[in-house]
Amino acid sequence: MSIIRQGSLFDIQELFDLEPPKRFGAIFSTLDIDPILCVISKKSIYGAPTELNYVAMLYSLVARIVERIPT
């Protein structure tokens, strides 16, 4: 099996030098979250309420990782 190497989107130092709103804008503009939303969105009437904002939850998880906020 061959390995495909993808170039980096951002230099880490450039990313940390940006202000947080610009940093998050740069990260979120490159992410395609539609495939992730298809996997995690609710498909049944049972369980958690459907009014949850899955997009906001994904963005907050990414922001937590970028800002190194511990759980």
Protein backbone atom coordinates (compact mmCIF):
# COMPACT_ATOMS: atom_id res chain seq x y z
CA MET A 1 0.00 0.00 0.00
CA SER A 2 1.39 3.39 -0.94
CA ILE A 3 1.45 6.36 1.42
CA ILE A 4 0.06 9.68 0.26
CA ARG A 5 1.60 12.65 2.00
CA GLN A 6 -0.47 15.81 2.16
CA GLY A 7 1.18 19.19 2.51
CA SER A 8 0.32 21.26 5.55
CA LEU A 9 -2.33 23.96 5.27
CA PHE A 10 -0.73 26.28 7.80
CA ASP A 11 2.64 26.77 9.40
CA ILE A 12 2.04 26.23 13.12
CA GLN A 13 3.89 29.40 14.11
CA GLU A 14 1.85 31.49 11.64
CA LEU A 15 -1.31 30.02 13.09
CA PHE A 16 -0.35 30.84 16.69
CA ASP A 17 0.71 34.37 15.74
CA LEU A 18 -2.78 35.19 14.45
CA GLU A 19 -5.40 36.65 16.76
CA PRO A 20 -7.96 34.06 17.94
CA PRO A 21 -10.87 35.24 15.72
CA LYS A 22 -8.64 35.26 12.64
CA ARG A 23 -7.06 31.96 13.63
CA PHE A 24 -10.41 30.24 13.99
CA GLY A 25 -11.66 31.77 10.76
CA ALA A 26 -8.64 30.41 8.91
CA ILE A 27 -9.09 26.94 10.39
CA PHE A 28 -12.85 26.70 9.96
CA SER A 29 -12.77 27.99 6.37
CA THR A 30 -10.58 25.02 5.38
CA LEU A 31 -12.59 22.36 7.21
CA ASP A 32 -15.36 20.53 5.40
CA ILE A 33 -17.59 19.42 8.26
CA ASP A 34 -20.48 18.11 6.15
CA PRO A 35 -19.21 14.49 6.13
CA ILE A 36 -18.72 14.62 9.90
CA LEU A 37 -22.21 16.05 10.41
CA CYS A 38 -23.71 13.20 8.36
CA VAL A 39 -22.07 10.70 10.70
CA ILE A 40 -22.90 12.33 14.05
CA SER A 41 -26.29 13.86 13.35
CA LYS A 42 -29.29 12.21 14.93
CA LYS A 43 -31.17 9.79 12.72
CA SER A 44 -33.72 8.35 15.14
CA ILE A 45 -36.51 9.76 17.26
CA TYR A 46 -35.07 8.22 20.42
CA GLY A 47 -32.27 9.56 22.60
CA ALA A 48 -30.97 13.12 22.82
CA PRO A 49 -33.13 15.99 21.57
CA THR A 50 -32.74 16.97 17.92
CA GLU A 51 -32.43 20.67 18.72
CA LEU A 52 -28.73 20.29 19.52
CA ASN A 53 -26.42 22.48 17.46
CA TYR A 54 -23.98 19.90 16.10
CA VAL A 55 -22.03 22.48 14.07
CA ALA A 56 -21.35 24.57 17.18
CA MET A 57 -20.27 21.47 19.09
CA LEU A 58 -17.77 20.54 16.37
CA TYR A 59 -16.39 24.07 16.24
CA SER A 60 -16.02 24.13 20.02
CA LEU A 61 -14.12 20.84 19.99
CA VAL A 62 -11.71 22.18 17.37
CA ALA A 63 -11.31 25.44 19.30
CA ARG A 64 -10.58 23.48 22.49
CA ILE A 65 -7.80 21.56 20.75
CA VAL A 66 -6.32 24.66 19.12
CA GLU A 67 -6.37 26.67 22.35
CA ARG A 68 -5.08 23.66 24.34
CA ILE A 69 -7.93 23.82 26.84
CA PRO A 70 -7.86 20.71 29.07
CA THR A 71 -10.99 18.68 29.60
